[in-house]
All heavy atoms as atom14 arrays in JSON, in Angstrom:
{
  "sequence": "FPFLRQLVRESGTKQDLTDALAGAGVPLADATRQAA",
  "atom14_mask": [
    [1, 1, 1, 1, 1, 1, 1, 1, 1, 1, 1, 0, 0, 0],
    [1, 1, 1, 1, 1, 1, 1, 0, 0, 0, 0, 0, 0, 0],
    [1, 1, 1, 1, 1, 1, 1, 1, 1, 1, 1, 0, 0, 0],
    [1, 1, 1, 1, 1, 1, 1, 1, 0, 0, 0, 0, 0, 0],
    [1, 1, 1, 1, 1, 1, 1, 1, 1, 1, 1, 0, 0, 0],
    [1, 1, 1, 1, 1, 1, 1, 1, 1, 0, 0, 0, 0, 0],
    [1, 1, 1, 1, 1, 1, 1, 1, 0, 0, 0, 0, 0, 0],
    [1, 1, 1, 1, 1, 1, 1, 0, 0, 0, 0, 0, 0, 0],
    [1, 1, 1, 1, 1, 1, 1, 1, 1, 1, 1, 0, 0, 0],
    [1, 1, 1, 1, 1, 1, 1, 1, 1, 0, 0, 0, 0, 0],
    [1, 1, 1, 1, 1, 1, 0, 0, 0, 0, 0, 0, 0, 0],
    [1, 1, 1, 1, 0, 0, 0, 0, 0, 0, 0, 0, 0, 0],
    [1, 1, 1, 1, 1, 1, 1, 0, 0, 0, 0, 0, 0, 0],
    [1, 1, 1, 1, 1, 1, 1, 1, 1, 0, 0, 0, 0, 0],
    [1, 1, 1, 1, 1, 1, 1, 1, 1, 0, 0, 0, 0, 0],
    [1, 1, 1, 1, 1, 1, 1, 1, 0, 0, 0, 0, 0, 0],
    [1, 1, 1, 1, 1, 1, 1, 1, 0, 0, 0, 0, 0, 0],
    [1, 1, 1, 1, 1, 1, 1, 0, 0, 0, 0, 0, 0, 0],
    [1, 1, 1, 1, 1, 1, 1, 1, 0, 0, 0, 0, 0, 0],
    [1, 1, 1, 1, 1, 0, 0, 0, 0, 0, 0, 0, 0, 0],
    [1, 1, 1, 1, 1, 1, 1, 1, 0, 0, 0, 0, 0, 0],
    [1, 1, 1, 1, 1, 0, 0, 0, 0, 0, 0, 0, 0, 0],
    [1, 1, 1, 1, 0, 0, 0, 0, 0, 0, 0, 0, 0, 0],
    [1, 1, 1, 1, 1, 0, 0, 0, 0, 0, 0, 0, 0, 0],
    [1, 1, 1, 1, 0, 0, 0, 0, 0, 0, 0, 0, 0, 0],
    [1, 1, 1, 1, 1, 1, 1, 0, 0, 0, 0, 0, 0, 0],
    [1, 1, 1, 1, 1, 1, 1, 0, 0, 0, 0, 0, 0, 0],
    [1, 1, 1, 1, 1, 1, 1, 1, 0, 0, 0, 0, 0, 0],
    [1, 1, 1, 1, 1, 0, 0, 0, 0, 0, 0, 0, 0, 0],
    [1, 1, 1, 1, 1, 1, 1, 1, 0, 0, 0, 0, 0, 0],
    [1, 1, 1, 1, 1, 0, 0, 0, 0, 0, 0, 0, 0, 0],
    [1, 1, 1, 1, 1, 1, 1, 0, 0, 0, 0, 0, 0, 0],
    [1, 1, 1, 1, 1, 1, 1, 1, 1, 1, 1, 0, 0, 0],
    [1, 1, 1, 1, 1, 1, 1, 1, 1, 0, 0, 0, 0, 0],
    [1, 1, 1, 1, 1, 0, 0, 0, 0, 0, 0, 0, 0, 0],
    [1, 1, 1, 1, 1, 0, 0, 0, 0, 0, 0, 0, 0, 0]
  ],
  "atom14_positions": [
    [[-52.13, -32.52, 24.04], [-51.46, -33.74, 23.56], [-51.02, -33.5, 22.04], [-49.93, -33.89, 21.72], [-52.34, -35.0, 23.73], [-52.37, -35.44, 25.14], [-53.45, -35.2, 25.95], [-51.21, -35.98, 25.71], [-53.48, -35.55, 27.33], [-51.19, -36.35, 27.02], [-52.32, -36.12, 27.86], [0.0, 0.0, 0.0], [0.0, 0.0, 0.0], [0.0, 0.0, 0.0]],
    [[-51.86, -32.9, 21.16], [-51.35, -32.64, 19.84], [-50.1, -31.69, 19.84], [-49.13, -31.97, 19.09], [-52.51, -31.95, 19.08], [-53.69, -32.44, 19.81], [-53.27, -32.6, 21.26], [0.0, 0.0, 0.0], [0.0, 0.0, 0.0], [0.0, 0.0, 0.0], [0.0, 0.0, 0.0], [0.0, 0.0, 0.0], [0.0, 0.0, 0.0], [0.0, 0.0, 0.0]],
    [[-50.02, -30.8, 20.83], [-48.85, -29.97, 20.91], [-47.68, -30.75, 21.41], [-46.53, -30.61, 20.83], [-49.04, -28.78, 21.88], [-47.84, -27.89, 22.06], [-47.47, -27.07, 21.04], [-47.02, -28.01, 23.21], [-46.29, -26.27, 21.12], [-45.89, -27.27, 23.27], [-45.54, -26.38, 22.29], [0.0, 0.0, 0.0], [0.0, 0.0, 0.0], [0.0, 0.0, 0.0]],
    [[-47.86, -31.65, 22.34], [-46.71, -32.53, 22.75], [-46.21, -33.41, 21.56], [-44.97, -33.56, 21.42], [-47.15, -33.46, 23.84], [-47.37, -32.83, 25.27], [-47.74, -33.91, 26.28], [-46.29, -31.92, 25.74], [0.0, 0.0, 0.0], [0.0, 0.0, 0.0], [0.0, 0.0, 0.0], [0.0, 0.0, 0.0], [0.0, 0.0, 0.0], [0.0, 0.0, 0.0]],
    [[-47.14, -33.91, 20.72], [-46.67, -34.72, 19.65], [-45.82, -33.91, 18.63], [-44.81, -34.35, 18.18], [-47.91, -35.34, 18.87], [-48.55, -36.47, 19.63], [-49.68, -37.04, 18.87], [-50.59, -37.75, 19.8], [-51.72, -37.34, 20.22], [-52.15, -36.06, 19.87], [-52.45, -37.96, 21.11], [0.0, 0.0, 0.0], [0.0, 0.0, 0.0], [0.0, 0.0, 0.0]],
    [[-46.25, -32.7, 18.43], [-45.57, -31.73, 17.59], [-44.15, -31.47, 18.17], [-43.17, -31.47, 17.45], [-46.29, -30.47, 17.35], [-45.58, -29.5, 16.49], [-46.37, -28.23, 16.35], [-47.36, -27.98, 16.99], [-45.93, -27.3, 15.47], [0.0, 0.0, 0.0], [0.0, 0.0, 0.0], [0.0, 0.0, 0.0], [0.0, 0.0, 0.0], [0.0, 0.0, 0.0]],
    [[-44.1, -31.24, 19.42], [-42.88, -30.98, 20.15], [-41.88, -32.14, 19.93], [-40.69, -31.92, 19.7], [-43.23, -30.71, 21.61], [-42.07, -30.2, 22.55], [-41.59, -28.84, 22.02], [-42.62, -30.05, 23.92], [0.0, 0.0, 0.0], [0.0, 0.0, 0.0], [0.0, 0.0, 0.0], [0.0, 0.0, 0.0], [0.0, 0.0, 0.0], [0.0, 0.0, 0.0]],
    [[-42.45, -33.38, 20.07], [-41.53, -34.51, 19.88], [-40.99, -34.55, 18.47], [-39.87, -34.81, 18.25], [-42.34, -35.78, 20.31], [-41.51, -37.04, 19.86], [-42.53, -35.85, 21.79], [0.0, 0.0, 0.0], [0.0, 0.0, 0.0], [0.0, 0.0, 0.0], [0.0, 0.0, 0.0], [0.0, 0.0, 0.0], [0.0, 0.0, 0.0], [0.0, 0.0, 0.0]],
    [[-41.94, -34.41, 17.52], [-41.45, -34.45, 16.1], [-40.34, -33.48, 15.84], [-39.35, -33.71, 15.16], [-42.7, -34.17, 15.16], [-43.56, -35.33, 14.95], [-44.53, -35.13, 13.78], [-45.3, -33.87, 13.94], [-46.5, -33.82, 14.6], [-47.0, -34.87, 15.15], [-47.18, -32.64, 14.66], [0.0, 0.0, 0.0], [0.0, 0.0, 0.0], [0.0, 0.0, 0.0]],
    [[-40.57, -32.2, 16.3], [-39.63, -31.15, 15.98], [-38.36, -31.25, 16.83], [-37.31, -30.83, 16.42], [-40.27, -29.79, 16.14], [-41.31, -29.57, 15.0], [-41.81, -28.17, 14.92], [-41.08, -27.29, 15.39], [-42.91, -27.95, 14.4], [0.0, 0.0, 0.0], [0.0, 0.0, 0.0], [0.0, 0.0, 0.0], [0.0, 0.0, 0.0], [0.0, 0.0, 0.0]],
    [[-38.5, -31.78, 18.07], [-37.37, -31.86, 18.93], [-36.31, -32.85, 18.47], [-35.11, -32.64, 18.69], [-37.81, -32.31, 20.3], [-38.55, -31.29, 20.93], [0.0, 0.0, 0.0], [0.0, 0.0, 0.0], [0.0, 0.0, 0.0], [0.0, 0.0, 0.0], [0.0, 0.0, 0.0], [0.0, 0.0, 0.0], [0.0, 0.0, 0.0], [0.0, 0.0, 0.0]],
    [[-36.72, -33.87, 17.79], [-35.74, -34.89, 17.28], [-34.8, -34.27, 16.4], [-33.54, -34.38, 16.48], [0.0, 0.0, 0.0], [0.0, 0.0, 0.0], [0.0, 0.0, 0.0], [0.0, 0.0, 0.0], [0.0, 0.0, 0.0], [0.0, 0.0, 0.0], [0.0, 0.0, 0.0], [0.0, 0.0, 0.0], [0.0, 0.0, 0.0], [0.0, 0.0, 0.0]],
    [[-35.28, -33.42, 15.47], [-34.43, -32.74, 14.53], [-33.57, -31.72, 15.18], [-32.41, -31.55, 14.93], [-35.22, -32.09, 13.44], [-36.05, -33.08, 12.78], [-34.41, -31.38, 12.38], [0.0, 0.0, 0.0], [0.0, 0.0, 0.0], [0.0, 0.0, 0.0], [0.0, 0.0, 0.0], [0.0, 0.0, 0.0], [0.0, 0.0, 0.0], [0.0, 0.0, 0.0]],
    [[-34.25, -30.91, 16.11], [-33.48, -29.87, 16.76], [-32.44, -30.41, 17.73], [-31.36, -29.87, 17.86], [-34.43, -29.02, 17.57], [-35.25, -28.06, 16.72], [-36.25, -27.3, 17.46], [-37.14, -26.3, 16.7], [-37.45, -26.65, 15.38], [0.0, 0.0, 0.0], [0.0, 0.0, 0.0], [0.0, 0.0, 0.0], [0.0, 0.0, 0.0], [0.0, 0.0, 0.0]],
    [[-32.67, -31.54, 18.28], [-31.66, -32.18, 19.22], [-30.45, -32.54, 18.46], [-29.32, -32.37, 18.87], [-32.26, -33.37, 19.87], [-31.36, -33.96, 20.95], [-31.07, -33.05, 22.09], [-31.98, -32.33, 22.62], [-29.85, -32.76, 22.42], [0.0, 0.0, 0.0], [0.0, 0.0, 0.0], [0.0, 0.0, 0.0], [0.0, 0.0, 0.0], [0.0, 0.0, 0.0]],
    [[-30.62, -33.12, 17.19], [-29.43, -33.42, 16.41], [-28.56, -32.18, 16.19], [-27.36, -32.15, 16.32], [-29.82, -33.95, 15.09], [-30.47, -35.36, 15.17], [-30.23, -36.03, 16.16], [-31.2, -35.74, 14.22], [0.0, 0.0, 0.0], [0.0, 0.0, 0.0], [0.0, 0.0, 0.0], [0.0, 0.0, 0.0], [0.0, 0.0, 0.0], [0.0, 0.0, 0.0]],
    [[-29.28, -31.05, 15.83], [-28.51, -29.81, 15.57], [-27.88, -29.27, 16.89], [-26.68, -28.95, 16.88], [-29.44, -28.69, 15.04], [-28.88, -27.34, 14.83], [-27.72, -27.35, 13.85], [-29.96, -26.39, 14.36], [0.0, 0.0, 0.0], [0.0, 0.0, 0.0], [0.0, 0.0, 0.0], [0.0, 0.0, 0.0], [0.0, 0.0, 0.0], [0.0, 0.0, 0.0]],
    [[-28.56, -29.33, 17.95], [-28.1, -28.85, 19.29], [-26.92, -29.68, 19.7], [-25.85, -29.12, 20.13], [-29.19, -28.88, 20.39], [-30.25, -28.1, 19.97], [-28.65, -28.42, 21.68], [0.0, 0.0, 0.0], [0.0, 0.0, 0.0], [0.0, 0.0, 0.0], [0.0, 0.0, 0.0], [0.0, 0.0, 0.0], [0.0, 0.0, 0.0], [0.0, 0.0, 0.0]],
    [[-26.98, -30.98, 19.53], [-25.88, -31.86, 19.9], [-24.65, -31.51, 19.03], [-23.5, -31.5, 19.56], [-26.22, -33.39, 19.73], [-27.29, -33.9, 20.75], [-27.48, -33.12, 21.76], [-27.8, -34.91, 20.5], [0.0, 0.0, 0.0], [0.0, 0.0, 0.0], [0.0, 0.0, 0.0], [0.0, 0.0, 0.0], [0.0, 0.0, 0.0], [0.0, 0.0, 0.0]],
    [[-24.85, -31.33, 17.76], [-23.69, -31.02, 16.88], [-23.02, -29.71, 17.31], [-21.75, -29.63, 17.3], [-24.18, -30.96, 15.43], [0.0, 0.0, 0.0], [0.0, 0.0, 0.0], [0.0, 0.0, 0.0], [0.0, 0.0, 0.0], [0.0, 0.0, 0.0], [0.0, 0.0, 0.0], [0.0, 0.0, 0.0], [0.0, 0.0, 0.0], [0.0, 0.0, 0.0]],
    [[-23.91, -28.68, 17.58], [-23.27, -27.4, 17.95], [-22.57, -27.53, 19.28], [-21.51, -26.96, 19.43], [-24.44, -26.35, 18.07], [-25.07, -25.96, 16.75], [-26.28, -25.05, 16.99], [-24.04, -25.23, 15.81], [0.0, 0.0, 0.0], [0.0, 0.0, 0.0], [0.0, 0.0, 0.0], [0.0, 0.0, 0.0], [0.0, 0.0, 0.0], [0.0, 0.0, 0.0]],
    [[-23.17, -28.18, 20.26], [-22.55, -28.38, 21.58], [-21.2, -29.15, 21.44], [-20.22, -28.79, 22.02], [-23.48, -29.04, 22.57], [0.0, 0.0, 0.0], [0.0, 0.0, 0.0], [0.0, 0.0, 0.0], [0.0, 0.0, 0.0], [0.0, 0.0, 0.0], [0.0, 0.0, 0.0], [0.0, 0.0, 0.0], [0.0, 0.0, 0.0], [0.0, 0.0, 0.0]],
    [[-21.23, -30.15, 20.56], [-20.07, -30.93, 20.43], [-18.83, -30.16, 19.74], [-17.73, -30.36, 19.96], [0.0, 0.0, 0.0], [0.0, 0.0, 0.0], [0.0, 0.0, 0.0], [0.0, 0.0, 0.0], [0.0, 0.0, 0.0], [0.0, 0.0, 0.0], [0.0, 0.0, 0.0], [0.0, 0.0, 0.0], [0.0, 0.0, 0.0], [0.0, 0.0, 0.0]],
    [[-19.29, -29.14, 18.97], [-18.27, -28.21, 18.35], [-17.95, -27.07, 19.23], [-17.13, -26.21, 18.81], [-18.86, -27.72, 17.0], [0.0, 0.0, 0.0], [0.0, 0.0, 0.0], [0.0, 0.0, 0.0], [0.0, 0.0, 0.0], [0.0, 0.0, 0.0], [0.0, 0.0, 0.0], [0.0, 0.0, 0.0], [0.0, 0.0, 0.0], [0.0, 0.0, 0.0]],
    [[-18.57, -26.97, 20.45], [-18.21, -25.92, 21.39], [-18.82, -24.62, 21.1], [-18.47, -23.56, 21.58], [0.0, 0.0, 0.0], [0.0, 0.0, 0.0], [0.0, 0.0, 0.0], [0.0, 0.0, 0.0], [0.0, 0.0, 0.0], [0.0, 0.0, 0.0], [0.0, 0.0, 0.0], [0.0, 0.0, 0.0], [0.0, 0.0, 0.0], [0.0, 0.0, 0.0]],
    [[-19.95, -24.66, 20.35], [-20.69, -23.41, 19.97], [-21.67, -23.13, 21.15], [-22.57, -23.96, 21.48], [-21.51, -23.55, 18.66], [-22.27, -22.29, 18.34], [-20.51, -23.89, 17.53], [0.0, 0.0, 0.0], [0.0, 0.0, 0.0], [0.0, 0.0, 0.0], [0.0, 0.0, 0.0], [0.0, 0.0, 0.0], [0.0, 0.0, 0.0], [0.0, 0.0, 0.0]],
    [[-21.55, -21.97, 21.84], [-22.49, -21.59, 22.91], [-23.85, -21.21, 22.33], [-23.95, -20.72, 21.23], [-21.81, -20.44, 23.57], [-20.97, -19.79, 22.5], [-20.56, -20.93, 21.61], [0.0, 0.0, 0.0], [0.0, 0.0, 0.0], [0.0, 0.0, 0.0], [0.0, 0.0, 0.0], [0.0, 0.0, 0.0], [0.0, 0.0, 0.0], [0.0, 0.0, 0.0]],
    [[-24.83, -21.44, 23.12], [-26.24, -21.0, 22.67], [-26.31, -19.5, 22.82], [-25.8, -18.93, 23.81], [-27.28, -21.67, 23.65], [-27.49, -23.15, 23.48], [-28.49, -23.63, 24.53], [-27.94, -23.53, 22.12], [0.0, 0.0, 0.0], [0.0, 0.0, 0.0], [0.0, 0.0, 0.0], [0.0, 0.0, 0.0], [0.0, 0.0, 0.0], [0.0, 0.0, 0.0]],
    [[-26.91, -18.86, 21.86], [-27.12, -17.47, 21.88], [-28.16, -17.0, 22.9], [-29.02, -17.81, 23.28], [-27.57, -17.0, 20.47], [0.0, 0.0, 0.0], [0.0, 0.0, 0.0], [0.0, 0.0, 0.0], [0.0, 0.0, 0.0], [0.0, 0.0, 0.0], [0.0, 0.0, 0.0], [0.0, 0.0, 0.0], [0.0, 0.0, 0.0], [0.0, 0.0, 0.0]],
    [[-28.07, -15.8, 23.33], [-29.01, -15.25, 24.29], [-30.45, -15.32, 23.68], [-31.38, -15.61, 24.4], [-28.68, -13.75, 24.67], [-27.53, -13.68, 25.6], [-27.25, -14.67, 26.28], [-26.87, -12.59, 25.62], [0.0, 0.0, 0.0], [0.0, 0.0, 0.0], [0.0, 0.0, 0.0], [0.0, 0.0, 0.0], [0.0, 0.0, 0.0], [0.0, 0.0, 0.0]],
    [[-30.61, -15.07, 22.36], [-31.9, -15.15, 21.82], [-32.47, -16.55, 21.91], [-33.69, -16.77, 22.16], [-31.8, -14.78, 20.3], [0.0, 0.0, 0.0], [0.0, 0.0, 0.0], [0.0, 0.0, 0.0], [0.0, 0.0, 0.0], [0.0, 0.0, 0.0], [0.0, 0.0, 0.0], [0.0, 0.0, 0.0], [0.0, 0.0, 0.0], [0.0, 0.0, 0.0]],
    [[-31.63, -17.58, 21.79], [-32.1, -18.92, 21.87], [-32.57, -19.2, 23.36], [-33.58, -19.81, 23.58], [-31.02, -19.93, 21.56], [-30.63, -19.7, 20.2], [-31.47, -21.36, 21.59], [0.0, 0.0, 0.0], [0.0, 0.0, 0.0], [0.0, 0.0, 0.0], [0.0, 0.0, 0.0], [0.0, 0.0, 0.0], [0.0, 0.0, 0.0], [0.0, 0.0, 0.0]],
    [[-31.84, -18.72, 24.3], [-32.2, -18.97, 25.71], [-33.52, -18.18, 25.98], [-34.36, -18.71, 26.72], [-31.1, -18.31, 26.61], [-29.92, -19.29, 26.79], [-29.07, -18.87, 28.03], [-27.66, -18.81, 27.98], [-26.85, -18.57, 26.95], [-27.27, -18.31, 25.81], [-25.52, -18.5, 27.14], [0.0, 0.0, 0.0], [0.0, 0.0, 0.0], [0.0, 0.0, 0.0]],
    [[-33.73, -16.98, 25.45], [-34.9, -16.26, 25.72], [-36.12, -16.97, 25.05], [-37.15, -17.06, 25.59], [-34.8, -14.8, 25.16], [-33.8, -13.9, 25.99], [-33.55, -12.61, 25.35], [-34.06, -12.32, 24.28], [-32.74, -11.83, 25.96], [0.0, 0.0, 0.0], [0.0, 0.0, 0.0], [0.0, 0.0, 0.0], [0.0, 0.0, 0.0], [0.0, 0.0, 0.0]],
    [[-35.87, -17.48, 23.8], [-36.94, -18.24, 23.22], [-37.36, -19.47, 24.04], [-38.53, -19.78, 24.16], [-36.55, -18.64, 21.8], [0.0, 0.0, 0.0], [0.0, 0.0, 0.0], [0.0, 0.0, 0.0], [0.0, 0.0, 0.0], [0.0, 0.0, 0.0], [0.0, 0.0, 0.0], [0.0, 0.0, 0.0], [0.0, 0.0, 0.0], [0.0, 0.0, 0.0]],
    [[-36.31, -20.15, 24.65], [-36.65, -21.29, 25.47], [-37.44, -20.9, 26.72], [-38.35, -21.59, 27.04], [-35.36, -22.0, 25.85], [0.0, 0.0, 0.0], [0.0, 0.0, 0.0], [0.0, 0.0, 0.0], [0.0, 0.0, 0.0], [0.0, 0.0, 0.0], [0.0, 0.0, 0.0], [0.0, 0.0, 0.0], [0.0, 0.0, 0.0], [0.0, 0.0, 0.0]]
  ]
}
């Protein structure tokens, strides 16, 4: 549960960045997919 809370805290910020990149048509890098 502490890990889930951390995931939520960090995901909010990352989602903003991901949304902005996707909106600009920037594809996710292979490294990002592998990290996921």
